[in-house]
C-alpha atoms as a PDB file:
ATOM      1  CA  MET A   1       0.128  -0.131  -0.095  1.00  0.00           C
ATOM      2  CA  PRO A   2       1.461   3.663  -1.007  1.00  0.00           C
ATOM      3  CA  CYS A   3       2.405   5.738   1.668  1.00  0.00           C
ATOM      4  CA  TRP A   4       0.009   9.108   1.751  1.00  0.00           C
ATOM      5  CA  TYR A   5       1.994  10.905   4.182  1.00  0.00           C
ATOM      6  CA  PHE A   6       4.731  13.425   2.940  1.00  0.00           C
ATOM      7  CA  GLU A   7       7.180  15.058   4.785  1.00  0.00           C
ATOM      8  CA  LYS A   8       7.779  19.019   4.338  1.00  0.00           C
ATOM      9  CA  LYS A   9      10.808  18.302   2.105  1.00  0.00           C
ATOM     10  CA  GLU A  10       8.636  15.953  -0.314  1.00  0.00           C
ATOM     11  CA  ILE A  11       6.079  18.711  -0.621  1.00  0.00           C
ATOM     12  CA  ARG A  12       8.621  21.263  -1.439  1.00  0.00           C
ATOM     13  CA  ASN A  13      10.273  19.002  -4.009  1.00  0.00           C
ATOM     14  CA  THR A  14       7.242  17.854  -6.056  1.00  0.00           C
ATOM     15  CA  PRO A  15       7.824  16.818  -9.723  1.00  0.00           C
ATOM     16  CA  SER A  16       6.627  20.135 -10.977  1.00  0.00           C
ATOM     17  CA  ILE A  17       9.537  21.699  -8.935  1.00  0.00           C
ATOM     18  CA  GLN A  18      11.982  19.084 -10.280  1.00  0.00           C
ATOM     19  CA  ASP A  19      10.822  20.084 -13.770  1.00  0.00           C
ATOM     20  CA  GLY A  20      11.762  23.784 -13.196  1.00  0.00           C
ATOM     21  CA  LEU A  21       8.270  25.263 -12.389  1.00  0.00           C
ATOM     22  CA  ASP A  22       8.551  28.263  -9.861  1.00  0.00           C
ATOM     23  CA  HIS A  23       6.651  27.541  -6.664  1.00  0.00           C
ATOM     24  CA  ALA A  24       3.942  30.588  -7.506  1.00  0.00           C
ATOM     25  CA  THR A  25       3.359  29.192 -11.033  1.00  0.00           C
ATOM     26  CA  GLU A  26       3.052  25.281  -9.547  1.00  0.00           C
ATOM     27  CA  ALA A  27       0.661  26.674  -6.803  1.00  0.00           C
ATOM     28  CA  ARG A  28      -1.797  28.165  -9.610  1.00  0.00           C
ATOM     29  CA  TYR A  29      -1.582  25.287 -11.723  1.00  0.00           C
ATOM     30  CA  ARG A  30      -2.574  23.183  -8.949  1.00  0.00           C
ATOM     31  CA  ARG A  31      -5.333  25.408  -7.428  1.00  0.00           C
ATOM     32  CA  GLU A  32      -6.877  25.466 -10.631  1.00  0.00           C
ATOM     33  CA  GLY A  33      -6.320  21.414 -10.947  1.00  0.00           C
ATOM     34  CA  ALA A  34      -7.765  20.891  -7.670  1.00  0.00           C
ATOM     35  CA  ARG A  35     -10.611  23.175  -8.394  1.00  0.00           C
ATOM     36  CA  PHE A  36     -11.535  20.662 -11.333  1.00  0.00           C
ATOM     37  CA  ILE A  37     -11.349  17.514  -9.536  1.00  0.00           C
ATOM     38  CA  ILE A  38     -13.294  18.483  -6.531  1.00  0.00           C
ATOM     39  CA  ASP A  39     -15.881  20.182  -9.147  1.00  0.00           C
ATOM     40  CA  ALA A  40     -16.209  17.091 -11.250  1.00  0.00           C
ATOM     41  CA  GLY A  41     -16.361  14.453  -8.454  1.00  0.00           C
ATOM     42  CA  THR A  42     -18.837  16.241  -6.736  1.00  0.00           C
ATOM     43  CA  LYS A  43     -20.847  16.464 -10.087  1.00  0.00           C
ATOM     44  CA  MET A  44     -20.820  12.732 -10.487  1.00  0.00           C
ATOM     45  CA  GLY A  45     -21.275  12.052  -6.690  1.00  0.00           C
ATOM     46  CA  LEU A  46     -18.032  10.704  -5.922  1.00  0.00           C
ATOM     47  CA  TYR A  47     -15.658  11.301  -2.861  1.00  0.00           C
ATOM     48  CA  PRO A  48     -13.090  13.478  -4.957  1.00  0.00           C
ATOM     49  CA  TYR A  49     -10.778  14.457  -2.268  1.00  0.00           C
ATOM     50  CA  THR A  50      -9.075  11.119  -2.539  1.00  0.00           C
ATOM     51  CA  ILE A  51      -8.211  11.790  -6.141  1.00  0.00           C
ATOM     52  CA  LEU A  52      -7.113  15.530  -5.640  1.00  0.00           C
ATOM     53  CA  TYR A  53      -4.600  14.069  -2.911  1.00  0.00           C
ATOM     54  CA  LEU A  54      -2.925  11.725  -5.160  1.00  0.00           C
ATOM     55  CA  TYR A  55      -3.142  14.178  -7.897  1.00  0.00           C
ATOM     56  CA  LEU A  56      -1.000  16.646  -6.107  1.00  0.00           C
ATOM     57  CA  MET A  57       1.912  14.677  -5.417  1.00  0.00           C
ATOM     58  CA  SER A  58       2.012  11.887  -8.551  1.00  0.00           C
ATOM     59  CA  ASP A  59       3.087  14.201 -11.740  1.00  0.00           C
ATOM     60  CA  SER A  60       4.179  17.334 -12.497  1.00  0.00           C
ATOM     61  CA  THR A  61       2.035  20.120 -13.763  1.00  0.00           C
ATOM     62  CA  ASN A  62       4.736  21.610 -15.914  1.00  0.00           C
ATOM     63  CA  ILE A  63       2.692  22.321 -19.029  1.00  0.00           C
ATOM     64  CA  ASN A  64       5.895  23.406 -21.026  1.00  0.00           C
ATOM     65  CA  GLU A  65       7.583  19.900 -20.176  1.00  0.00           C
ATOM     66  CA  GLY A  66       8.873  17.603 -23.205  1.00  0.00           C
END
């Protein structure tokens, strides 16, 4: 089972930061993505926060990547 708790150093070193995204831009992208996930999950009658949590720590939000 994956560990769902992250240390502060892990939160400050997300995949987006590793890809060169600055903290302010990453925070904006993640807010927008989080809002979408919560809205979509709520409209579908799902509990969206589990999906949201995994989204925030699983992949880079750097749209300029590769």
